[in-house]
Structure formats: C-alpha cells, structure tokens
Amino acid sequence: MIPWEKLDTARIPGTEDELRLMRRGKEFSIMLGTNELMNSRLSGSEAALATLAAKKIEKVAKPHMLVGGLGMGFTLRAALGALGNKAQIVVVELVPAVVAWARGPMAEIFGDSLRDPRVSIREADVTEIIRTHRSKFDAILLDVDNGPEGLTRKANDALYSSAGLKAAHTALRPGGVLAVWSSGQNPAFAKRLRGAGFDVNEVNIRATGKGGGARHIIWIATKN
C-alpha cells in the first residue's frame, strides 16, 4: 500500500492546533491530530449540503449563497452544478492555507470551480460575515469544523449557539435556508434552530452519498 505523505501544515487561527494536508497517490486527507476532517474519496454528504439547499431556493431568480468552509470544495462544486448562471456564491475560509492548497496541490480536484465567475473567495471568519449582514443571502451553508460539536476551534461554538443561529436568521432573506453539516446527531442543536425561528428538517446522509460510509447529518432550516 502507498504510504501517506505529509504535504503541508497550517495553524488554525486563534488556536494552537494544526491542520495537516496528507496525500496517498491521488487521495488527499486533511487531518487534525488523529481525526480525519475530510478525505477526497468521501464527498457525498458535503455535496448534498449544497444540492439540498439549492433545491429549497430553486425559484429564486438570482440566488445569493454563502458557504462557510472551503474544505476540498465538494460543497462549492455541487452548488455550482445546482445553481444557474445568475447565482452568486461567496465562500468564506478561515485558514488561508486551505485556499492555497486548493490552488496548489489539490488544484486537480477543484478544477475550474475557483475561477468560475459566480464564485468569490474570502479569507475570513464566517461568523463575522453572517453577523454583519441583514437579509443578504438566500442560503447559508455551514460545513465548519465537525458540526455543532466542534473539534478544531472553540470560537466556532458561537456560530452554532442560539445567538449565532439568530444572526443567521437575520442574514437570510425571507424564505431563505440555513443548511448545516454535522458528523452526527445533535437534538439540542435542532432545538436551538427551532428556537431561532426556523422550520427544521433533519436529513441522514451517507459519507459517500451512495449508501456507504459513515452516517452524517444535514439540517435544512428554513426561515419562516
């Protein structure tokens, strides 16, 4: 078996933790300690995050979508495939090295997605983007950390708190959708979504998207 090769490391802003970009043949992995945050072979649930949200806003003529977390670009590419040519997609990534990896060693995976005229990339904290906008977005997609029970950054808790969810509700246009990816179930989080004014649908998705791999959760929360 081909051994894993470490290509690069990156410090997560505001923490002492370090991400590692690993490669084995054509397979990539982003690791935090012993935890694999994402793998280039497992894209199903991240892609579903975009397609499920896009379905909810399919009647919007010029949809404006905010994606929190670039990762390996699975969500971005799925959004580009699901939305029309009048869409605007803003991808916010906290770790600058992740953007550099997308344009460097993982460029083949990303293809032309970062150069698509519908896409803009911001190196920032998505929490601040949400907090400083009102009725701006038709969809907000969050694939940050490991979901509501984060691994990488304690500050991400504010994104999934009651206050953070209310900020997302404010940042959405009427009928807008907040879609949240998680590695597992979290009944308390679903309750907070409803408390923030959302109608909530919880969807179980396999990591591969084809009935295999770990079970992940996507919450589709609609601003009522």
Protein backbone atom coordinates (compact mmCIF):
# COMPACT_ATOMS: atom_id res chain seq x y z
CA MET A 1 0.00 0.00 0.00
CA ILE A 2 1.22 3.50 -0.82
CA PRO A 3 2.20 5.33 2.39
CA TRP A 4 0.72 8.69 3.35
CA GLU A 5 2.90 11.73 2.63
CA LYS A 6 2.59 14.98 4.61
CA LEU A 7 2.49 17.88 2.16
CA ASP A 8 1.95 20.84 4.46
CA THR A 9 0.71 22.05 7.84
CA ALA A 10 -1.33 25.09 8.84
CA ARG A 11 -2.14 26.65 12.20
CA ILE A 12 -5.84 27.28 12.84
CA PRO A 13 -6.25 30.98 13.72
CA GLY A 14 -6.98 31.57 17.38
CA THR A 15 -5.76 28.14 18.45
CA GLU A 16 -2.59 26.13 18.95
CA ASP A 17 -3.98 23.36 16.75
CA GLU A 18 -2.54 22.43 13.38
CA LEU A 19 -4.08 21.03 10.24
CA ARG A 20 -2.09 18.57 8.13
CA LEU A 21 -2.55 18.06 4.41
CA MET A 22 -1.78 14.44 3.54
CA ARG A 23 -1.55 12.64 0.20
CA ARG A 24 -1.51 8.98 -0.79
CA GLY A 25 -1.34 8.55 -4.54
CA LYS A 26 -4.26 10.63 -5.84
CA GLU A 27 -6.07 10.58 -2.48
CA PHE A 28 -5.94 13.62 -0.16
CA SER A 29 -6.78 13.94 3.51
CA ILE A 30 -6.94 16.89 5.89
CA MET A 31 -6.16 15.82 9.44
CA LEU A 32 -6.37 17.35 12.90
CA GLY A 33 -4.38 15.19 15.27
CA THR A 34 -5.70 11.66 14.79
CA ASN A 35 -9.03 12.92 13.39
CA GLU A 36 -9.58 12.98 9.65
CA LEU A 37 -11.67 16.08 8.91
CA MET A 38 -12.14 15.31 5.23
CA ASN A 39 -10.99 12.91 2.54
CA SER A 40 -11.08 13.35 -1.22
CA ARG A 41 -12.78 9.94 -1.64
CA LEU A 42 -15.73 10.86 0.61
CA SER A 43 -17.73 13.71 -0.85
CA GLY A 44 -21.36 12.61 -0.75
CA SER A 45 -22.66 14.39 2.33
CA GLU A 46 -20.76 17.62 1.64
CA ALA A 47 -22.18 17.72 -1.90
CA ALA A 48 -25.66 17.01 -0.54
CA LEU A 49 -25.34 20.06 1.69
CA ALA A 50 -25.38 22.19 -1.47
CA THR A 51 -27.90 20.26 -3.54
CA LEU A 52 -30.48 20.08 -0.74
CA ALA A 53 -30.16 23.81 -0.07
CA ALA A 54 -30.25 24.68 -3.77
CA LYS A 55 -33.49 22.73 -4.16
CA LYS A 56 -35.12 24.93 -1.50
CA ILE A 57 -34.26 28.13 -3.37
CA GLU A 58 -34.70 26.91 -6.95
CA LYS A 59 -37.39 29.52 -7.66
CA VAL A 60 -35.08 32.44 -6.77
CA ALA A 61 -34.00 34.14 -10.00
CA LYS A 62 -30.63 35.40 -8.77
CA PRO A 63 -29.75 33.37 -5.67
CA HIS A 64 -27.04 34.61 -3.32
CA MET A 65 -25.39 31.78 -1.40
CA LEU A 66 -22.87 31.96 1.45
CA VAL A 67 -20.70 28.87 2.06
CA GLY A 68 -18.83 28.65 5.35
CA GLY A 69 -15.77 26.44 4.87
CA LEU A 70 -13.94 25.69 1.60
CA GLY A 71 -12.51 22.31 2.59
CA MET A 72 -11.91 20.23 -0.52
CA GLY A 73 -14.53 22.13 -2.48
CA PHE A 74 -17.19 19.39 -2.60
CA THR A 75 -19.94 21.75 -1.45
CA LEU A 76 -18.82 24.53 -3.79
CA ARG A 77 -18.72 22.31 -6.87
CA ALA A 78 -22.13 20.84 -6.07
CA ALA A 79 -23.55 24.34 -5.63
CA LEU A 80 -22.15 25.41 -9.00
CA GLY A 81 -23.78 22.41 -10.62
CA ALA A 82 -27.14 23.02 -8.94
CA LEU A 83 -27.45 26.79 -9.38
CA GLY A 84 -27.97 28.77 -12.56
CA ASN A 85 -25.60 31.22 -14.20
CA LYS A 86 -27.08 34.20 -12.34
CA ALA A 87 -26.14 32.87 -8.90
CA GLN A 88 -23.55 34.43 -6.62
CA ILE A 89 -21.59 32.15 -4.28
CA VAL A 90 -19.38 33.57 -1.55
CA VAL A 91 -17.07 31.01 0.07
CA VAL A 92 -15.55 32.03 3.39
CA GLU A 93 -12.50 30.13 4.66
CA LEU A 94 -10.81 30.89 7.96
CA VAL A 95 -7.47 29.16 7.26
CA PRO A 96 -5.57 30.84 4.40
CA ALA A 97 -3.51 27.71 3.76
CA VAL A 98 -6.65 25.77 2.85
CA VAL A 99 -7.24 28.22 -0.01
CA ALA A 100 -3.59 27.86 -1.03
CA TRP A 101 -3.93 24.06 -1.01
CA ALA A 102 -6.98 24.34 -3.25
CA ARG A 103 -4.99 26.34 -5.76
CA GLY A 104 -1.84 24.26 -5.35
CA PRO A 105 -1.58 20.53 -4.58
CA MET A 106 -5.36 19.93 -4.79
CA ALA A 107 -5.91 22.03 -7.93
CA GLU A 108 -6.89 18.97 -9.96
CA ILE A 109 -9.71 18.19 -7.52
CA PHE A 110 -11.04 21.76 -7.67
CA GLY A 111 -10.86 22.02 -11.45
CA ASP A 112 -12.21 25.36 -12.68
CA SER A 113 -14.51 25.95 -9.68
CA LEU A 114 -12.40 28.71 -8.09
CA ARG A 115 -12.25 30.57 -11.40
CA ASP A 116 -15.99 30.40 -12.03
CA PRO A 117 -17.31 33.99 -12.38
CA ARG A 118 -20.12 33.19 -9.94
CA VAL A 119 -17.62 32.49 -7.15
CA SER A 120 -15.76 34.78 -4.78
CA ILE A 121 -13.41 33.53 -2.04
CA ARG A 122 -12.94 35.39 1.24
CA GLU A 123 -10.34 34.53 3.84
CA ALA A 124 -12.27 35.47 6.97
CA ASP A 125 -14.38 34.19 9.85
CA VAL A 126 -17.83 33.29 8.51
CA THR A 127 -19.31 34.22 11.89
CA GLU A 128 -18.41 37.86 11.24
CA ILE A 129 -19.79 37.77 7.70
CA ILE A 130 -23.11 36.49 8.98
CA ARG A 131 -23.23 38.89 11.92
CA THR A 132 -22.65 41.98 9.78
CA HIS A 133 -25.28 41.33 7.08
CA ARG A 134 -29.06 41.62 7.17
CA SER A 135 -31.40 39.99 4.62
CA LYS A 136 -28.43 39.42 2.32
CA PHE A 137 -28.43 35.71 1.49
CA ASP A 138 -30.93 33.22 0.09
CA ALA A 139 -28.91 30.32 1.50
CA ILE A 140 -26.21 29.96 4.14
CA LEU A 141 -24.31 26.67 4.11
CA LEU A 142 -22.15 25.76 7.09
CA ASP A 143 -19.58 22.98 6.90
CA VAL A 144 -17.38 24.39 9.62
CA ASP A 145 -15.38 22.21 11.98
CA ASN A 146 -17.14 18.93 12.80
CA GLY A 147 -20.60 20.48 13.07
CA PRO A 148 -22.20 21.86 16.24
CA GLU A 149 -19.88 19.73 18.38
CA GLY A 150 -16.65 21.21 17.06
CA LEU A 151 -13.16 19.79 17.18
CA THR A 152 -10.93 22.47 15.76
CA ARG A 153 -11.82 25.82 17.27
CA LYS A 154 -13.74 26.74 20.41
CA ALA A 155 -14.81 30.02 18.83
CA ASN A 156 -16.92 28.02 16.37
CA ASP A 157 -19.35 27.41 19.22
CA ALA A 158 -20.65 30.96 18.69
CA LEU A 159 -21.66 30.01 15.17
CA TYR A 160 -23.94 27.24 16.43
CA SER A 161 -25.20 28.94 19.60
CA SER A 162 -28.69 30.44 19.91
CA ALA A 163 -27.23 33.90 19.26
CA GLY A 164 -25.31 32.65 16.24
CA LEU A 165 -28.40 31.00 14.77
CA LYS A 166 -30.46 34.13 15.30
CA ALA A 167 -27.76 36.08 13.45
CA ALA A 168 -28.02 33.62 10.57
CA HIS A 169 -31.80 34.04 10.60
CA THR A 170 -31.32 37.82 10.31
CA ALA A 171 -28.77 37.44 7.50
CA LEU A 172 -31.21 35.40 5.40
CA ARG A 173 -33.85 36.81 3.11
CA PRO A 174 -37.48 35.74 3.68
CA GLY A 175 -37.83 32.07 2.83
CA GLY A 176 -34.06 31.62 2.94
CA VAL A 177 -32.43 28.40 4.08
CA LEU A 178 -29.68 27.62 6.57
CA ALA A 179 -28.08 24.25 5.80
CA VAL A 180 -25.72 22.78 8.40
CA TRP A 181 -23.46 19.73 8.02
CA SER A 182 -22.59 17.58 11.04
CA SER A 183 -20.72 14.36 11.65
CA GLY A 184 -23.51 13.18 13.95
CA GLN A 185 -26.88 13.83 15.54
CA ASN A 186 -27.43 16.66 17.99
CA PRO A 187 -31.01 17.02 19.29
CA ALA A 188 -30.09 20.10 21.34
CA PHE A 189 -28.88 21.86 18.20
CA ALA A 190 -32.09 21.05 16.33
CA LYS A 191 -34.00 22.55 19.25
CA ARG A 192 -31.89 25.72 19.07
CA LEU A 193 -32.63 26.01 15.34
CA ARG A 194 -36.36 25.97 16.04
CA GLY A 195 -35.91 28.43 18.87
CA ALA A 196 -34.16 30.81 16.45
CA GLY A 197 -37.22 30.86 14.19
CA PHE A 198 -36.51 28.11 11.67
CA ASP A 199 -38.62 25.28 10.32
CA VAL A 200 -36.26 22.31 10.56
CA ASN A 201 -35.81 19.14 8.52
CA GLU A 202 -33.07 16.70 9.57
CA VAL A 203 -31.60 14.58 6.75
CA ASN A 204 -29.41 11.49 7.20
CA ILE A 205 -26.74 11.19 4.51
CA ARG A 206 -24.00 8.62 3.99
CA ALA A 207 -20.47 9.94 3.54
CA THR A 208 -20.22 8.52 0.02
CA GLY A 209 -23.74 9.63 -0.91
CA LYS A 210 -24.40 6.13 -2.34
CA GLY A 211 -25.43 4.22 0.74
CA GLY A 212 -21.94 3.64 2.08
CA GLY A 213 -19.59 5.23 4.58
CA ALA A 214 -20.32 6.94 7.87
CA ARG A 215 -23.72 8.47 8.58
CA HIS A 216 -23.74 12.26 8.59
CA ILE A 217 -26.50 14.76 9.36
CA ILE A 218 -27.64 17.78 7.38
CA TRP A 219 -30.13 20.19 8.89
CA ILE A 220 -32.20 22.13 6.37
CA ALA A 221 -33.61 25.07 8.33
CA THR A 222 -35.97 27.43 6.53
CA LYS A 223 -36.61 30.97 7.68
CA ASN A 224 -40.35 31.07 8.38
